[in-house]
Amino acid sequence: MTMIVAFAAMGGTGCIVTTDDDFLDYEPCTFDSDCDSFRCESVTADWGDRVTTDSICTRSCRDEFDCDITASGLDGTCAAIGSGPFLCYESCDFDSDCAGGFRCGELDFSGFFVCLPY
């Protein structure tokens, strides 16, 4: 079982400006300015044998319709972790649906499977 144990914003908010140099949602990032959505979130996953943290581009959401389609063609997942904000996560069915350094795991025992840092 996989559970996300923490998340944190990497910076402030700003207006959305899209350029070819920015990363799309679900791609790894370092700063908010790296992302089209201007939101780079740190995600920590507990895999049982290891705890891994990485950051992804994401956006606030009310439901999955607010989230981008994933590279594998799945709808994004809109979920809140604990009392945190609702954010978009990359849905997956298999590890191969996720970018390098990420694996498909259950989001906080919710029944939703998303790409998590590994």
N, C-alpha and C. Protein backbone atom coordinates (compact mmCIF):
# COMPACT_ATOMS: atom_id res chain seq x y z
N MET A 1 0.84 -1.18 0.00
CA MET A 1 0.00 0.00 0.00
C MET A 1 0.88 1.24 0.00
N THR A 2 0.48 2.21 -0.74
CA THR A 2 1.21 3.47 -0.80
C THR A 2 0.35 4.55 -0.20
N MET A 3 0.98 5.43 0.53
CA MET A 3 0.26 6.52 1.14
C MET A 3 1.12 7.76 1.05
N ILE A 4 0.53 8.84 0.65
CA ILE A 4 1.26 10.10 0.67
C ILE A 4 1.22 10.62 2.09
N VAL A 5 2.38 10.98 2.60
CA VAL A 5 2.45 11.40 3.99
C VAL A 5 2.63 12.90 4.16
N ALA A 6 2.95 13.60 3.10
CA ALA A 6 3.14 15.04 3.24
C ALA A 6 3.10 15.71 1.88
N PHE A 7 2.77 16.98 1.90
CA PHE A 7 2.90 17.80 0.71
C PHE A 7 3.06 19.23 1.15
N ALA A 8 3.70 20.06 0.33
CA ALA A 8 3.92 21.45 0.68
C ALA A 8 4.13 22.26 -0.58
N ALA A 9 3.63 23.46 -0.58
CA ALA A 9 3.85 24.35 -1.72
C ALA A 9 5.30 24.77 -1.75
N MET A 10 5.85 24.89 -2.95
CA MET A 10 7.24 25.28 -3.10
C MET A 10 7.38 26.80 -3.23
N GLY A 11 6.28 27.52 -3.31
CA GLY A 11 6.38 28.96 -3.45
C GLY A 11 5.01 29.59 -3.50
N GLY A 12 4.96 30.85 -3.90
CA GLY A 12 3.72 31.61 -3.93
C GLY A 12 2.90 31.37 -5.17
N THR A 13 1.86 32.16 -5.31
CA THR A 13 1.00 32.05 -6.47
C THR A 13 1.26 33.23 -7.39
N GLY A 14 0.73 33.17 -8.58
CA GLY A 14 0.91 34.26 -9.54
C GLY A 14 -0.02 34.06 -10.70
N CYS A 15 -0.03 34.97 -11.63
CA CYS A 15 -0.87 34.80 -12.81
C CYS A 15 -0.25 33.72 -13.69
N ILE A 16 -1.10 33.07 -14.48
CA ILE A 16 -0.63 31.98 -15.32
C ILE A 16 -0.14 32.53 -16.65
N VAL A 17 1.12 32.27 -16.95
CA VAL A 17 1.73 32.65 -18.22
C VAL A 17 2.29 31.39 -18.84
N THR A 18 1.86 31.06 -20.04
CA THR A 18 2.31 29.84 -20.68
C THR A 18 3.39 30.14 -21.70
N THR A 19 4.52 29.44 -21.56
CA THR A 19 5.60 29.54 -22.53
C THR A 19 6.05 28.13 -22.87
N ASP A 20 6.80 27.96 -23.93
CA ASP A 20 7.29 26.64 -24.32
C ASP A 20 8.31 26.10 -23.33
N ASP A 21 8.89 26.94 -22.48
CA ASP A 21 9.90 26.50 -21.52
C ASP A 21 9.28 25.93 -20.25
N ASP A 22 7.99 26.12 -20.03
CA ASP A 22 7.35 25.66 -18.81
C ASP A 22 6.97 24.19 -18.91
N PHE A 23 6.84 23.54 -17.74
CA PHE A 23 6.46 22.14 -17.67
C PHE A 23 4.95 22.02 -17.55
N LEU A 24 4.40 20.99 -18.15
CA LEU A 24 2.98 20.70 -18.03
C LEU A 24 2.70 20.07 -16.68
N ASP A 25 1.41 20.00 -16.31
CA ASP A 25 1.04 19.35 -15.06
C ASP A 25 1.58 17.93 -15.03
N TYR A 26 1.94 17.50 -13.85
CA TYR A 26 2.43 16.16 -13.51
C TYR A 26 3.93 15.97 -13.79
N GLU A 27 4.58 16.92 -14.43
CA GLU A 27 6.02 16.78 -14.68
C GLU A 27 6.79 17.20 -13.42
N PRO A 28 7.95 16.58 -13.17
CA PRO A 28 8.78 17.00 -12.04
C PRO A 28 9.21 18.47 -12.19
N CYS A 29 9.38 19.14 -11.06
CA CYS A 29 9.73 20.56 -11.08
C CYS A 29 10.56 20.89 -9.85
N THR A 30 11.12 22.09 -9.85
CA THR A 30 11.88 22.59 -8.71
C THR A 30 11.23 23.85 -8.14
N PHE A 31 10.76 24.73 -9.01
CA PHE A 31 10.18 26.00 -8.60
C PHE A 31 8.80 26.18 -9.21
N ASP A 32 7.95 27.00 -8.58
CA ASP A 32 6.64 27.32 -9.14
C ASP A 32 6.76 27.85 -10.56
N SER A 33 7.80 28.64 -10.81
CA SER A 33 7.98 29.26 -12.13
C SER A 33 8.33 28.23 -13.21
N ASP A 34 8.67 26.99 -12.81
CA ASP A 34 8.93 25.93 -13.79
C ASP A 34 7.65 25.46 -14.47
N CYS A 35 6.51 25.69 -13.86
CA CYS A 35 5.25 25.07 -14.27
C CYS A 35 4.32 26.04 -14.99
N ASP A 36 3.60 25.53 -16.01
CA ASP A 36 2.56 26.32 -16.66
C ASP A 36 1.54 26.82 -15.64
N SER A 37 1.23 25.99 -14.66
CA SER A 37 0.23 26.32 -13.64
C SER A 37 0.80 27.20 -12.53
N PHE A 38 2.11 27.44 -12.55
CA PHE A 38 2.81 28.18 -11.50
C PHE A 38 2.61 27.56 -10.13
N ARG A 39 2.48 26.21 -10.08
CA ARG A 39 2.33 25.51 -8.81
C ARG A 39 3.17 24.25 -8.82
N CYS A 40 4.25 24.27 -8.08
CA CYS A 40 5.14 23.13 -7.92
C CYS A 40 4.95 22.62 -6.50
N GLU A 41 4.43 21.39 -6.35
CA GLU A 41 4.12 20.83 -5.04
C GLU A 41 5.08 19.70 -4.70
N SER A 42 5.56 19.70 -3.48
CA SER A 42 6.38 18.62 -2.98
C SER A 42 5.45 17.48 -2.54
N VAL A 43 5.74 16.26 -3.00
CA VAL A 43 4.92 15.10 -2.67
C VAL A 43 5.83 14.05 -2.05
N THR A 44 5.43 13.51 -0.91
CA THR A 44 6.18 12.47 -0.22
C THR A 44 5.36 11.20 -0.19
N ALA A 45 5.95 10.10 -0.62
CA ALA A 45 5.27 8.80 -0.64
C ALA A 45 5.99 7.82 0.29
N ASP A 46 5.21 7.10 1.09
CA ASP A 46 5.74 6.06 1.96
C ASP A 46 5.45 4.72 1.31
N TRP A 47 6.49 4.05 0.81
CA TRP A 47 6.34 2.77 0.11
C TRP A 47 6.56 1.59 1.04
N GLY A 48 6.68 1.83 2.31
CA GLY A 48 6.93 0.75 3.26
C GLY A 48 8.41 0.52 3.47
N ASP A 49 9.16 0.26 2.40
CA ASP A 49 10.60 0.05 2.52
C ASP A 49 11.40 1.33 2.30
N ARG A 50 10.73 2.40 1.89
CA ARG A 50 11.40 3.68 1.68
C ARG A 50 10.36 4.80 1.68
N VAL A 51 10.82 5.98 2.03
CA VAL A 51 10.01 7.20 1.94
C VAL A 51 10.71 8.10 0.94
N THR A 52 9.98 8.55 -0.08
CA THR A 52 10.59 9.31 -1.17
C THR A 52 9.82 10.60 -1.40
N THR A 53 10.56 11.68 -1.64
CA THR A 53 9.95 12.98 -1.90
C THR A 53 10.44 13.51 -3.24
N ASP A 54 9.52 14.08 -4.00
CA ASP A 54 9.85 14.76 -5.25
C ASP A 54 8.78 15.84 -5.44
N SER A 55 8.96 16.69 -6.40
CA SER A 55 8.00 17.76 -6.66
C SER A 55 7.41 17.62 -8.06
N ILE A 56 6.13 17.95 -8.19
CA ILE A 56 5.44 17.87 -9.48
C ILE A 56 4.69 19.17 -9.75
N CYS A 57 4.53 19.47 -11.03
CA CYS A 57 3.65 20.57 -11.43
C CYS A 57 2.21 20.10 -11.25
N THR A 58 1.38 20.94 -10.68
CA THR A 58 -0.02 20.60 -10.46
C THR A 58 -0.84 21.88 -10.44
N ARG A 59 -2.13 21.75 -10.18
CA ARG A 59 -3.02 22.92 -10.06
C ARG A 59 -4.13 22.60 -9.08
N SER A 60 -4.78 23.64 -8.57
CA SER A 60 -5.95 23.45 -7.71
C SER A 60 -7.10 22.92 -8.55
N CYS A 61 -8.00 22.18 -7.92
CA CYS A 61 -9.12 21.60 -8.66
C CYS A 61 -10.33 21.44 -7.75
N ARG A 62 -11.50 21.31 -8.41
CA ARG A 62 -12.74 20.97 -7.70
C ARG A 62 -13.16 19.55 -8.04
N ASP A 63 -12.80 19.10 -9.24
CA ASP A 63 -13.07 17.73 -9.68
C ASP A 63 -12.11 17.38 -10.80
N GLU A 64 -12.19 16.14 -11.30
CA GLU A 64 -11.22 15.68 -12.31
C GLU A 64 -11.30 16.46 -13.61
N PHE A 65 -12.42 17.15 -13.85
CA PHE A 65 -12.55 17.94 -15.08
C PHE A 65 -11.65 19.17 -15.07
N ASP A 66 -11.18 19.57 -13.88
CA ASP A 66 -10.24 20.68 -13.77
C ASP A 66 -8.79 20.25 -14.03
N CYS A 67 -8.55 18.93 -14.13
CA CYS A 67 -7.20 18.39 -14.27
C CYS A 67 -6.91 18.01 -15.72
N ASP A 68 -5.63 18.11 -16.09
CA ASP A 68 -5.20 17.73 -17.44
C ASP A 68 -5.29 16.23 -17.63
N ILE A 69 -5.47 15.81 -18.87
CA ILE A 69 -5.37 14.41 -19.24
C ILE A 69 -3.91 14.00 -19.09
N THR A 70 -3.66 12.78 -18.66
CA THR A 70 -2.29 12.32 -18.46
C THR A 70 -1.65 11.93 -19.79
N ALA A 71 -0.35 11.76 -19.78
CA ALA A 71 0.38 11.35 -20.99
C ALA A 71 -0.10 9.99 -21.50
N SER A 72 -0.63 9.15 -20.59
CA SER A 72 -1.14 7.84 -21.00
C SER A 72 -2.61 7.88 -21.39
N GLY A 73 -3.21 9.10 -21.40
CA GLY A 73 -4.59 9.27 -21.86
C GLY A 73 -5.65 9.12 -20.79
N LEU A 74 -5.25 9.02 -19.52
CA LEU A 74 -6.22 8.90 -18.43
C LEU A 74 -6.62 10.28 -17.92
N ASP A 75 -7.82 10.38 -17.35
CA ASP A 75 -8.22 11.61 -16.68
C ASP A 75 -7.32 11.83 -15.48
N GLY A 76 -7.02 13.08 -15.17
CA GLY A 76 -6.28 13.38 -13.96
C GLY A 76 -7.16 13.11 -12.74
N THR A 77 -6.55 12.97 -11.58
CA THR A 77 -7.26 12.73 -10.33
C THR A 77 -7.22 14.00 -9.49
N CYS A 78 -8.38 14.47 -9.04
CA CYS A 78 -8.48 15.61 -8.15
C CYS A 78 -8.69 15.07 -6.74
N ALA A 79 -7.75 15.34 -5.84
CA ALA A 79 -7.85 14.79 -4.49
C ALA A 79 -7.20 15.73 -3.48
N ALA A 80 -7.67 15.65 -2.25
CA ALA A 80 -7.06 16.37 -1.14
C ALA A 80 -6.42 15.34 -0.23
N ILE A 81 -5.26 15.67 0.28
CA ILE A 81 -4.57 14.80 1.22
C ILE A 81 -4.77 15.40 2.60
N GLY A 82 -5.41 14.64 3.46
CA GLY A 82 -5.71 15.16 4.79
C GLY A 82 -6.58 16.40 4.69
N SER A 83 -6.18 17.46 5.35
CA SER A 83 -6.95 18.71 5.30
C SER A 83 -6.36 19.69 4.28
N GLY A 84 -5.46 19.18 3.42
CA GLY A 84 -4.82 20.02 2.41
C GLY A 84 -5.76 20.39 1.28
N PRO A 85 -5.28 21.21 0.36
CA PRO A 85 -6.12 21.66 -0.76
C PRO A 85 -6.32 20.54 -1.78
N PHE A 86 -7.39 20.63 -2.56
CA PHE A 86 -7.61 19.69 -3.66
C PHE A 86 -6.65 20.06 -4.78
N LEU A 87 -5.86 19.06 -5.23
CA LEU A 87 -4.87 19.25 -6.28
C LEU A 87 -5.01 18.14 -7.31
N CYS A 88 -4.51 18.40 -8.52
CA CYS A 88 -4.51 17.40 -9.59
C CYS A 88 -3.29 16.50 -9.47
N TYR A 89 -3.52 15.20 -9.61
CA TYR A 89 -2.45 14.20 -9.62
C TYR A 89 -2.58 13.38 -10.89
N GLU A 90 -1.46 12.84 -11.36
CA GLU A 90 -1.44 12.02 -12.57
C GLU A 90 -1.99 10.63 -12.27
N SER A 91 -3.14 10.31 -12.84
CA SER A 91 -3.74 8.98 -12.66
C SER A 91 -2.90 7.93 -13.38
N CYS A 92 -2.99 6.68 -12.89
CA CYS A 92 -2.25 5.59 -13.52
C CYS A 92 -2.95 4.26 -13.26
N ASP A 93 -2.69 3.32 -14.13
CA ASP A 93 -3.11 1.93 -13.93
C ASP A 93 -1.90 1.04 -13.70
N PHE A 94 -0.75 1.44 -14.25
CA PHE A 94 0.47 0.64 -14.19
C PHE A 94 1.65 1.57 -13.95
N ASP A 95 2.76 1.03 -13.45
CA ASP A 95 3.98 1.82 -13.27
C ASP A 95 4.42 2.46 -14.58
N SER A 96 4.19 1.77 -15.69
CA SER A 96 4.61 2.28 -17.00
C SER A 96 3.84 3.54 -17.42
N ASP A 97 2.75 3.87 -16.73
CA ASP A 97 2.01 5.10 -17.00
C ASP A 97 2.72 6.33 -16.42
N CYS A 98 3.72 6.10 -15.58
CA CYS A 98 4.38 7.18 -14.85
C CYS A 98 5.76 7.49 -15.43
N ALA A 99 6.20 8.72 -15.23
CA ALA A 99 7.53 9.16 -15.67
C ALA A 99 8.60 8.45 -14.84
N GLY A 100 9.84 8.49 -15.33
CA GLY A 100 10.96 7.93 -14.59
C GLY A 100 11.04 8.52 -13.19
N GLY A 101 11.33 7.69 -12.21
CA GLY A 101 11.41 8.15 -10.83
C GLY A 101 10.07 8.15 -10.11
N PHE A 102 9.00 7.74 -10.81
CA PHE A 102 7.66 7.67 -10.22
C PHE A 102 7.08 6.28 -10.46
N ARG A 103 6.22 5.84 -9.54
CA ARG A 103 5.50 4.57 -9.68
C ARG A 103 4.03 4.79 -9.36
N CYS A 104 3.21 3.89 -9.87
CA CYS A 104 1.77 3.95 -9.64
C CYS A 104 1.46 3.41 -8.24
N GLY A 105 0.78 4.20 -7.44
CA GLY A 105 0.42 3.80 -6.08
C GLY A 105 -0.89 4.41 -5.65
N GLU A 106 -1.48 3.82 -4.63
CA GLU A 106 -2.77 4.31 -4.12
C GLU A 106 -2.57 5.58 -3.32
N LEU A 107 -3.37 6.56 -3.59
CA LEU A 107 -3.29 7.87 -2.94
C LEU A 107 -3.99 7.82 -1.60
N ASP A 108 -3.21 7.76 -0.54
CA ASP A 108 -3.72 7.90 0.82
C ASP A 108 -4.92 6.97 1.10
N PHE A 109 -4.86 5.73 0.65
CA PHE A 109 -5.91 4.72 0.87
C PHE A 109 -7.28 5.16 0.34
N SER A 110 -7.28 5.93 -0.74
CA SER A 110 -8.52 6.50 -1.28
C SER A 110 -9.15 5.65 -2.38
N GLY A 111 -8.42 4.68 -2.90
CA GLY A 111 -8.89 3.94 -4.06
C GLY A 111 -8.47 4.58 -5.37
N PHE A 112 -7.86 5.77 -5.30
CA PHE A 112 -7.35 6.46 -6.49
C PHE A 112 -5.87 6.09 -6.65
N PHE A 113 -5.49 5.67 -7.84
CA PHE A 113 -4.10 5.33 -8.11
C PHE A 113 -3.47 6.43 -8.94
N VAL A 114 -2.35 6.97 -8.43
CA VAL A 114 -1.67 8.10 -9.05
C VAL A 114 -0.17 7.84 -9.08
N CYS A 115 0.54 8.60 -9.91
CA CYS A 115 2.00 8.49 -10.00
C CYS A 115 2.62 9.20 -8.79
N LEU A 116 3.43 8.44 -8.04
CA LEU A 116 4.07 8.95 -6.83
C LEU A 116 5.58 8.78 -6.94
N PRO A 117 6.35 9.66 -6.28
CA PRO A 117 7.80 9.54 -6.33
C PRO A 117 8.25 8.20 -5.77
N TYR A 118 9.26 7.60 -6.42
CA TYR A 118 9.77 6.31 -5.96
C TYR A 118 11.29 6.32 -5.87
